[in-house]
Amino acid sequence: MQQQMEWVNSIAAQNKFMVGTGLLFENAKVVHHNKTVTNGPFGDIKETLGGFIMIKAESAQEATQFAKAAPVLRGEGNTVEVREIMRHSTMNIYKQPLLLSVA
């Protein structure tokens, strides 16, 4: 946890951090396409979203550099996904900031 906080603080020190949090499994539900609801997801699932942070980055390449330093990558099989977030304005759709999701 300390390493994660140091990583986030290093991003914040560059005025690039916007928001982020871990995602809990307690009381989690999955709503399926047919509207059925099941408990989960559960932590032992192969691919699970563990949390996210939103950063201000000039490009996907800059966001990827931040992602490469994520402490979660020290764990075998762990990944960090980099995606742009679509924002809507009244006149057009534009892309900015980027999201790092931790699996």
Protein backbone atom coordinates (compact mmCIF):
# COMPACT_ATOMS: atom_id res chain seq x y z
CA MET A 1 0.00 0.00 0.00
CA GLN A 2 2.86 2.37 0.80
CA GLN A 3 4.39 1.81 -2.64
CA GLN A 4 1.04 2.53 -4.29
CA MET A 5 0.69 5.80 -2.35
CA GLU A 6 4.24 6.83 -3.28
CA TRP A 7 3.49 6.13 -6.95
CA VAL A 8 0.28 8.18 -6.87
CA ASN A 9 2.05 10.97 -4.95
CA SER A 10 4.77 11.08 -7.62
CA ILE A 11 2.08 11.62 -10.27
CA ALA A 12 0.36 14.25 -8.10
CA ALA A 13 3.67 16.07 -7.59
CA GLN A 14 3.71 16.66 -11.36
CA ASN A 15 0.15 18.04 -11.17
CA LYS A 16 -1.08 15.12 -13.31
CA PHE A 17 -3.28 13.23 -10.79
CA MET A 18 -7.04 13.85 -10.99
CA VAL A 19 -8.81 11.10 -9.02
CA GLY A 20 -8.48 7.45 -8.17
CA THR A 21 -9.57 4.69 -5.84
CA GLY A 22 -9.53 0.97 -5.26
CA LEU A 23 -12.64 -1.07 -5.99
CA LEU A 24 -14.06 -3.32 -3.26
CA PHE A 25 -15.55 -6.77 -3.73
CA GLU A 26 -17.87 -6.53 -0.71
CA ASN A 27 -21.52 -6.22 -1.81
CA ALA A 28 -20.45 -6.24 -5.48
CA LYS A 29 -23.01 -7.31 -8.07
CA VAL A 30 -22.86 -8.19 -11.76
CA VAL A 31 -25.85 -7.34 -13.95
CA HIS A 32 -25.98 -9.58 -17.02
CA HIS A 33 -27.37 -8.81 -20.48
CA ASN A 34 -30.60 -10.69 -19.64
CA LYS A 35 -31.05 -8.52 -16.52
CA THR A 36 -30.18 -11.28 -14.04
CA VAL A 37 -28.08 -10.19 -11.10
CA THR A 38 -25.38 -12.31 -9.48
CA ASN A 39 -22.92 -11.75 -6.67
CA GLY A 40 -19.42 -10.82 -7.74
CA PRO A 41 -17.05 -10.21 -9.33
CA PHE A 42 -14.71 -12.09 -7.06
CA GLY A 43 -10.98 -11.58 -6.51
CA ASP A 44 -10.01 -15.01 -7.79
CA ILE A 45 -11.33 -14.27 -11.29
CA LYS A 46 -8.48 -14.16 -13.82
CA GLU A 47 -9.15 -10.58 -14.90
CA THR A 48 -10.48 -8.27 -12.21
CA LEU A 49 -10.42 -4.50 -12.11
CA GLY A 50 -8.80 -3.66 -8.75
CA GLY A 51 -8.90 0.12 -9.00
CA PHE A 52 -8.25 3.09 -11.20
CA ILE A 53 -6.62 6.48 -11.34
CA MET A 54 -7.40 9.30 -13.74
CA ILE A 55 -4.48 11.45 -14.80
CA LYS A 56 -3.87 14.48 -16.99
CA ALA A 57 -1.54 13.37 -19.75
CA GLU A 58 -0.62 14.96 -23.05
CA SER A 59 -0.70 11.60 -24.82
CA ALA A 60 -1.22 7.88 -24.37
CA GLN A 61 2.56 7.56 -24.46
CA GLU A 62 2.94 9.86 -21.44
CA ALA A 63 0.24 7.92 -19.58
CA THR A 64 1.99 4.67 -20.46
CA GLN A 65 5.19 5.95 -18.86
CA PHE A 66 3.27 6.58 -15.62
CA ALA A 67 1.71 3.11 -15.91
CA LYS A 68 5.10 1.43 -16.28
CA ALA A 69 6.01 2.65 -12.78
CA ALA A 70 2.87 1.19 -11.13
CA PRO A 71 3.82 -1.03 -8.16
CA VAL A 72 1.10 -3.54 -9.08
CA LEU A 73 3.25 -4.61 -12.04
CA ARG A 74 5.63 -6.30 -9.61
CA GLY A 75 3.05 -9.07 -9.24
CA GLU A 76 3.10 -11.95 -11.70
CA GLY A 77 0.31 -11.57 -14.26
CA ASN A 78 -0.81 -8.11 -13.08
CA THR A 79 -1.50 -5.44 -15.68
CA VAL A 80 -2.25 -1.74 -15.98
CA GLU A 81 -4.50 -0.64 -18.81
CA VAL A 82 -4.24 2.85 -20.33
CA ARG A 83 -7.33 4.35 -21.97
CA GLU A 84 -8.49 7.76 -23.03
CA ILE A 85 -11.75 8.96 -21.51
CA MET A 86 -14.39 10.41 -23.75
CA ARG A 87 -15.98 13.56 -22.43
CA HIS A 88 -19.08 15.14 -23.85
CA SER A 89 -19.60 18.85 -24.29
CA THR A 90 -22.69 20.54 -25.71
CA MET A 91 -21.09 20.94 -29.13
CA ASN A 92 -18.73 18.02 -29.63
CA ILE A 93 -17.01 15.01 -28.13
CA TYR A 94 -13.39 15.28 -27.17
CA LYS A 95 -10.82 13.02 -25.54
CA GLN A 96 -8.89 13.87 -22.39
CA PRO A 97 -7.72 12.80 -19.67
CA LEU A 98 -6.41 9.27 -19.54
CA LEU A 99 -7.42 6.45 -17.23
CA LEU A 100 -5.07 3.87 -15.77
CA SER A 101 -7.00 0.82 -14.61
CA VAL A 102 -5.23 -1.70 -12.42
CA ALA A 103 -6.05 -5.35 -12.88
